[in-house]
Amino acid sequence: MDPVTLTLAAFLKVVTHLEARDISDVYDSRVQQVRVLYYGYTIDFRHQLWRIDDESVCAHLEKTGTAVEQRECSRMASRLFVETCHALQRRGRAAHIDTRTMYCKAAATFKPRRDPYAGMTPAERKARKALEAAHREAEQACNRYVLDALSSNSLEILRLRQRYCDKSNRLAARLEQQ
């Protein structure tokens, strides 16, 4: 290839790459993973189409962190969203409007994880945990008999499925009432 063709090919490659990246950046079409160090807490989350995925906030602690660490991380994430929203609002027109909208919406809608046992006495906490364990057990039995019923026409399996699924539903309703 001659030098002019090579130069033109390189230029077109750069321009088309920049246009695709700019379009992706403008529309936030790709999932973006963000990790921020905020007052000593590592807060991570994903966003796409200028919306923060609430389920992804502090997801790095799902498997390795304690419940207390998860709650504290989500509480700090909420503060981060509010603080970032306010900072971007102060910048006015200089701030990217979609970024500002994304953080301000997260500031308004993101709910940090809360302690499900907050305000309970030790006896109430113990009763709640026992109810949760009974619900998990009934739900597992229900799921097992649902699968068994798919491959069997036994009336006994159908009765067991019904009994455990009803029990699971009753316990779930009791948990929601508390």
C-alpha atoms as a PDB file:
ATOM      1  CA  MET A   1       0.000   0.000   0.000  1.00  0.00           C
ATOM      2  CA  ASP A   2       1.161   3.491  -0.714  1.00  0.00           C
ATOM      3  CA  PRO A   3       1.710   6.017   2.112  1.00  0.00           C
ATOM      4  CA  VAL A   4      -1.387   8.062   1.246  1.00  0.00           C
ATOM      5  CA  THR A   5      -3.677   5.024   1.452  1.00  0.00           C
ATOM      6  CA  LEU A   6      -2.079   3.946   4.746  1.00  0.00           C
ATOM      7  CA  THR A   7      -2.536   7.430   6.198  1.00  0.00           C
ATOM      8  CA  LEU A   8      -6.162   7.585   5.061  1.00  0.00           C
ATOM      9  CA  ALA A   9      -6.870   4.092   6.458  1.00  0.00           C
ATOM     10  CA  ALA A  10      -5.328   5.016   9.818  1.00  0.00           C
ATOM     11  CA  PHE A  11      -7.325   8.267   9.924  1.00  0.00           C
ATOM     12  CA  LEU A  12     -10.607   6.478   9.150  1.00  0.00           C
ATOM     13  CA  LYS A  13      -9.866   3.851  11.808  1.00  0.00           C
ATOM     14  CA  VAL A  14      -9.274   6.527  14.453  1.00  0.00           C
ATOM     15  CA  VAL A  15     -12.361   8.553  13.460  1.00  0.00           C
ATOM     16  CA  THR A  16     -14.708   5.549  13.429  1.00  0.00           C
ATOM     17  CA  HIS A  17     -13.314   4.359  16.780  1.00  0.00           C
ATOM     18  CA  LEU A  18     -13.782   7.822  18.304  1.00  0.00           C
ATOM     19  CA  GLU A  19     -17.319   8.132  16.952  1.00  0.00           C
ATOM     20  CA  ALA A  20     -18.341   4.744  18.399  1.00  0.00           C
ATOM     21  CA  ARG A  21     -16.771   5.591  21.770  1.00  0.00           C
ATOM     22  CA  ASP A  22     -18.345   9.070  21.815  1.00  0.00           C
ATOM     23  CA  ILE A  23     -21.783   7.651  21.016  1.00  0.00           C
ATOM     24  CA  SER A  24     -21.354   5.075  23.760  1.00  0.00           C
ATOM     25  CA  ASP A  25     -20.251   7.796  26.202  1.00  0.00           C
ATOM     26  CA  VAL A  26     -23.073  10.167  25.257  1.00  0.00           C
ATOM     27  CA  TYR A  27     -25.799   7.556  25.554  1.00  0.00           C
ATOM     28  CA  ASP A  28     -24.144   5.545  28.356  1.00  0.00           C
ATOM     29  CA  SER A  29     -25.154   2.454  26.413  1.00  0.00           C
ATOM     30  CA  ARG A  30     -22.537   0.133  27.916  1.00  0.00           C
ATOM     31  CA  VAL A  31     -22.669  -1.089  31.495  1.00  0.00           C
ATOM     32  CA  GLN A  32     -20.118   0.942  33.436  1.00  0.00           C
ATOM     33  CA  GLN A  33     -18.587  -0.378  36.652  1.00  0.00           C
ATOM     34  CA  VAL A  34     -17.623   2.369  39.125  1.00  0.00           C
ATOM     35  CA  ARG A  35     -15.537   1.921  42.276  1.00  0.00           C
ATOM     36  CA  VAL A  36     -15.079   4.910  44.599  1.00  0.00           C
ATOM     37  CA  LEU A  37     -13.125   5.280  47.825  1.00  0.00           C
ATOM     38  CA  TYR A  38     -15.366   7.445  50.015  1.00  0.00           C
ATOM     39  CA  TYR A  39     -14.379   8.256  53.605  1.00  0.00           C
ATOM     40  CA  GLY A  40     -12.454   4.995  53.827  1.00  0.00           C
ATOM     41  CA  TYR A  41     -15.251   2.853  52.315  1.00  0.00           C
ATOM     42  CA  THR A  42     -14.957   1.189  48.945  1.00  0.00           C
ATOM     43  CA  ILE A  43     -18.274   1.741  47.214  1.00  0.00           C
ATOM     44  CA  ASP A  44     -18.911   0.062  43.911  1.00  0.00           C
ATOM     45  CA  PHE A  45     -21.907   0.155  41.595  1.00  0.00           C
ATOM     46  CA  ARG A  46     -22.884  -0.247  37.965  1.00  0.00           C
ATOM     47  CA  HIS A  47     -24.751   2.168  35.751  1.00  0.00           C
ATOM     48  CA  GLN A  48     -26.128   2.061  32.265  1.00  0.00           C
ATOM     49  CA  LEU A  49     -28.330   4.465  30.313  1.00  0.00           C
ATOM     50  CA  TRP A  50     -27.696   7.038  33.051  1.00  0.00           C
ATOM     51  CA  ARG A  51     -29.269   4.897  35.769  1.00  0.00           C
ATOM     52  CA  ILE A  52     -27.522   3.396  38.765  1.00  0.00           C
ATOM     53  CA  ASP A  53     -28.411  -0.250  39.348  1.00  0.00           C
ATOM     54  CA  ASP A  54     -29.455  -0.282  43.026  1.00  0.00           C
ATOM     55  CA  GLU A  55     -28.799  -4.032  43.274  1.00  0.00           C
ATOM     56  CA  SER A  56     -25.168  -3.503  42.241  1.00  0.00           C
ATOM     57  CA  VAL A  57     -24.382  -0.981  44.990  1.00  0.00           C
ATOM     58  CA  CYS A  58     -21.802  -2.520  47.361  1.00  0.00           C
ATOM     59  CA  ALA A  59     -22.189  -5.855  45.565  1.00  0.00           C
ATOM     60  CA  HIS A  60     -18.532  -6.653  46.255  1.00  0.00           C
ATOM     61  CA  LEU A  61     -19.573  -7.342  49.872  1.00  0.00           C
ATOM     62  CA  GLU A  62     -22.375  -9.782  49.019  1.00  0.00           C
ATOM     63  CA  LYS A  63     -20.219 -12.877  49.439  1.00  0.00           C
ATOM     64  CA  THR A  64     -17.347 -11.713  51.596  1.00  0.00           C
ATOM     65  CA  GLY A  65     -18.759  -8.967  53.799  1.00  0.00           C
ATOM     66  CA  THR A  66     -20.772  -9.212  56.970  1.00  0.00           C
ATOM     67  CA  ALA A  67     -24.303  -7.850  57.191  1.00  0.00           C
ATOM     68  CA  VAL A  68     -22.972  -4.904  59.199  1.00  0.00           C
ATOM     69  CA  GLU A  69     -20.375  -4.104  56.500  1.00  0.00           C
ATOM     70  CA  GLN A  70     -23.027  -4.326  53.779  1.00  0.00           C
ATOM     71  CA  ARG A  71     -25.375  -1.983  55.661  1.00  0.00           C
ATOM     72  CA  GLU A  72     -22.596   0.512  56.383  1.00  0.00           C
ATOM     73  CA  CYS A  73     -21.398   0.449  52.764  1.00  0.00           C
ATOM     74  CA  SER A  74     -24.920   1.063  51.443  1.00  0.00           C
ATOM     75  CA  ARG A  75     -25.420   3.878  53.976  1.00  0.00           C
ATOM     76  CA  MET A  76     -22.191   5.518  52.805  1.00  0.00           C
ATOM     77  CA  ALA A  77     -23.213   4.983  49.158  1.00  0.00           C
ATOM     78  CA  SER A  78     -26.419   6.884  49.859  1.00  0.00           C
ATOM     79  CA  ARG A  79     -24.362   9.746  51.305  1.00  0.00           C
ATOM     80  CA  LEU A  80     -22.050   9.621  48.274  1.00  0.00           C
ATOM     81  CA  PHE A  81     -24.994   9.940  45.875  1.00  0.00           C
ATOM     82  CA  VAL A  82     -26.441  12.908  47.799  1.00  0.00           C
ATOM     83  CA  GLU A  83     -23.088  14.671  48.078  1.00  0.00           C
ATOM     84  CA  THR A  84     -22.268  14.102  44.406  1.00  0.00           C
ATOM     85  CA  CYS A  85     -25.709  15.359  43.366  1.00  0.00           C
ATOM     86  CA  HIS A  86     -25.278  18.544  45.396  1.00  0.00           C
ATOM     87  CA  ALA A  87     -21.765  19.116  44.044  1.00  0.00           C
ATOM     88  CA  LEU A  88     -22.951  18.693  40.448  1.00  0.00           C
ATOM     89  CA  GLN A  89     -25.916  21.012  41.055  1.00  0.00           C
ATOM     90  CA  ARG A  90     -23.548  23.690  42.368  1.00  0.00           C
ATOM     91  CA  ARG A  91     -21.506  23.410  39.168  1.00  0.00           C
ATOM     92  CA  GLY A  92     -24.643  24.285  37.202  1.00  0.00           C
ATOM     93  CA  ARG A  93     -24.291  24.182  33.439  1.00  0.00           C
ATOM     94  CA  ALA A  94     -20.651  23.127  33.704  1.00  0.00           C
ATOM     95  CA  ALA A  95     -21.759  19.709  34.957  1.00  0.00           C
ATOM     96  CA  HIS A  96     -22.834  17.049  32.499  1.00  0.00           C
ATOM     97  CA  ILE A  97     -26.625  17.061  32.826  1.00  0.00           C
ATOM     98  CA  ASP A  98     -27.068  13.293  32.416  1.00  0.00           C
ATOM     99  CA  THR A  99     -24.447  12.564  35.083  1.00  0.00           C
ATOM    100  CA  ARG A 100     -26.076  15.071  37.418  1.00  0.00           C
ATOM    101  CA  THR A 101     -29.515  13.572  36.788  1.00  0.00           C
ATOM    102  CA  MET A 102     -28.179  10.053  37.398  1.00  0.00           C
ATOM    103  CA  TYR A 103     -26.665  10.925  40.786  1.00  0.00           C
ATOM    104  CA  CYS A 104     -29.611  13.090  41.874  1.00  0.00           C
ATOM    105  CA  LYS A 105     -32.078  10.332  41.005  1.00  0.00           C
ATOM    106  CA  ALA A 106     -29.971   7.832  42.975  1.00  0.00           C
ATOM    107  CA  ALA A 107     -29.821  10.319  45.863  1.00  0.00           C
ATOM    108  CA  ALA A 108     -33.621  10.505  45.881  1.00  0.00           C
ATOM    109  CA  THR A 109     -34.457   6.842  45.348  1.00  0.00           C
ATOM    110  CA  PHE A 110     -31.624   4.652  46.686  1.00  0.00           C
ATOM    111  CA  LYS A 111     -32.519   3.090  50.022  1.00  0.00           C
ATOM    112  CA  PRO A 112     -29.627   1.788  52.111  1.00  0.00           C
ATOM    113  CA  ARG A 113     -29.936  -1.695  53.520  1.00  0.00           C
ATOM    114  CA  ARG A 114     -31.335  -1.689  56.999  1.00  0.00           C
ATOM    115  CA  ASP A 115     -30.976  -4.013  59.940  1.00  0.00           C
ATOM    116  CA  PRO A 116     -34.055  -6.273  59.891  1.00  0.00           C
ATOM    117  CA  TYR A 117     -33.638  -6.810  63.633  1.00  0.00           C
ATOM    118  CA  ALA A 118     -33.319  -3.145  64.616  1.00  0.00           C
ATOM    119  CA  GLY A 119     -35.440  -2.205  67.595  1.00  0.00           C
ATOM    120  CA  MET A 120     -36.139  -5.821  68.576  1.00  0.00           C
ATOM    121  CA  THR A 121     -35.534  -7.263  71.978  1.00  0.00           C
ATOM    122  CA  PRO A 122     -33.292 -10.340  72.129  1.00  0.00           C
ATOM    123  CA  ALA A 123     -36.382 -12.554  72.521  1.00  0.00           C
ATOM    124  CA  GLU A 124     -38.078 -10.966  69.483  1.00  0.00           C
ATOM    125  CA  ARG A 125     -34.867 -11.313  67.464  1.00  0.00           C
ATOM    126  CA  LYS A 126     -34.629 -14.999  68.404  1.00  0.00           C
ATOM    127  CA  ALA A 127     -38.292 -15.587  67.453  1.00  0.00           C
ATOM    128  CA  ARG A 128     -37.805 -13.788  64.112  1.00  0.00           C
ATOM    129  CA  LYS A 129     -34.724 -15.861  63.275  1.00  0.00           C
ATOM    130  CA  ALA A 130     -36.593 -19.072  64.158  1.00  0.00           C
ATOM    131  CA  LEU A 131     -39.475 -18.000  61.894  1.00  0.00           C
ATOM    132  CA  GLU A 132     -37.014 -17.241  59.068  1.00  0.00           C
ATOM    133  CA  ALA A 133     -35.373 -20.653  59.484  1.00  0.00           C
ATOM    134  CA  ALA A 134     -38.765 -22.405  59.431  1.00  0.00           C
ATOM    135  CA  HIS A 135     -39.691 -20.470  56.291  1.00  0.00           C
ATOM    136  CA  ARG A 136     -36.441 -21.431  54.537  1.00  0.00           C
ATOM    137  CA  GLU A 137     -36.994 -25.074  55.458  1.00  0.00           C
ATOM    138  CA  ALA A 138     -40.608 -25.065  54.203  1.00  0.00           C
ATOM    139  CA  GLU A 139     -39.591 -23.260  51.029  1.00  0.00           C
ATOM    140  CA  GLN A 140     -36.868 -25.802  50.298  1.00  0.00           C
ATOM    141  CA  ALA A 141     -39.308 -28.675  50.886  1.00  0.00           C
ATOM    142  CA  CYS A 142     -41.875 -26.975  48.656  1.00  0.00           C
ATOM    143  CA  ASN A 143     -39.298 -26.592  45.862  1.00  0.00           C
ATOM    144  CA  ARG A 144     -38.192 -30.208  46.247  1.00  0.00           C
ATOM    145  CA  TYR A 145     -41.779 -31.510  45.990  1.00  0.00           C
ATOM    146  CA  VAL A 146     -42.550 -29.205  43.055  1.00  0.00           C
ATOM    147  CA  LEU A 147     -39.670 -30.845  41.186  1.00  0.00           C
ATOM    148  CA  ASP A 148     -40.734 -34.335  42.303  1.00  0.00           C
ATOM    149  CA  ALA A 149     -44.312 -33.657  41.160  1.00  0.00           C
ATOM    150  CA  LEU A 150     -43.075 -32.829  37.663  1.00  0.00           C
ATOM    151  CA  SER A 151     -41.760 -36.354  37.209  1.00  0.00           C
ATOM    152  CA  SER A 152     -44.384 -38.250  39.206  1.00  0.00           C
ATOM    153  CA  ASN A 153     -48.145 -38.594  39.307  1.00  0.00           C
ATOM    154  CA  SER A 154     -48.163 -39.811  42.905  1.00  0.00           C
ATOM    155  CA  LEU A 155     -50.976 -38.346  44.986  1.00  0.00           C
ATOM    156  CA  GLU A 156     -48.757 -38.462  48.072  1.00  0.00           C
ATOM    157  CA  ILE A 157     -46.134 -36.243  46.397  1.00  0.00           C
ATOM    158  CA  LEU A 158     -48.858 -33.828  45.267  1.00  0.00           C
ATOM    159  CA  ARG A 159     -50.226 -33.630  48.829  1.00  0.00           C
ATOM    160  CA  LEU A 160     -46.742 -33.033  50.263  1.00  0.00           C
ATOM    161  CA  ARG A 161     -46.092 -30.351  47.662  1.00  0.00           C
ATOM    162  CA  GLN A 162     -49.341 -28.623  48.571  1.00  0.00           C
ATOM    163  CA  ARG A 163     -48.700 -28.870  52.315  1.00  0.00           C
ATOM    164  CA  TYR A 164     -45.160 -27.480  52.206  1.00  0.00           C
ATOM    165  CA  CYS A 165     -45.943 -24.784  49.660  1.00  0.00           C
ATOM    166  CA  ASP A 166     -48.929 -23.630  51.753  1.00  0.00           C
ATOM    167  CA  LYS A 167     -46.740 -23.641  54.863  1.00  0.00           C
ATOM    168  CA  SER A 168     -44.052 -21.639  53.052  1.00  0.00           C
ATOM    169  CA  ASN A 169     -46.639 -19.068  51.925  1.00  0.00           C
ATOM    170  CA  ARG A 170     -48.123 -18.742  55.438  1.00  0.00           C
ATOM    171  CA  LEU A 171     -44.684 -18.230  56.985  1.00  0.00           C
ATOM    172  CA  ALA A 172     -43.738 -15.692  54.306  1.00  0.00           C
ATOM    173  CA  ALA A 173     -46.934 -13.749  55.094  1.00  0.00           C
ATOM    174  CA  ARG A 174     -46.098 -13.796  58.819  1.00  0.00           C
ATOM    175  CA  LEU A 175     -42.588 -12.522  58.096  1.00  0.00           C
ATOM    176  CA  GLU A 176     -43.970  -9.623  56.062  1.00  0.00           C
ATOM    177  CA  GLN A 177     -46.370  -8.666  58.847  1.00  0.00           C
ATOM    178  CA  GLN A 178     -43.560  -8.283  61.367  1.00  0.00           C
END
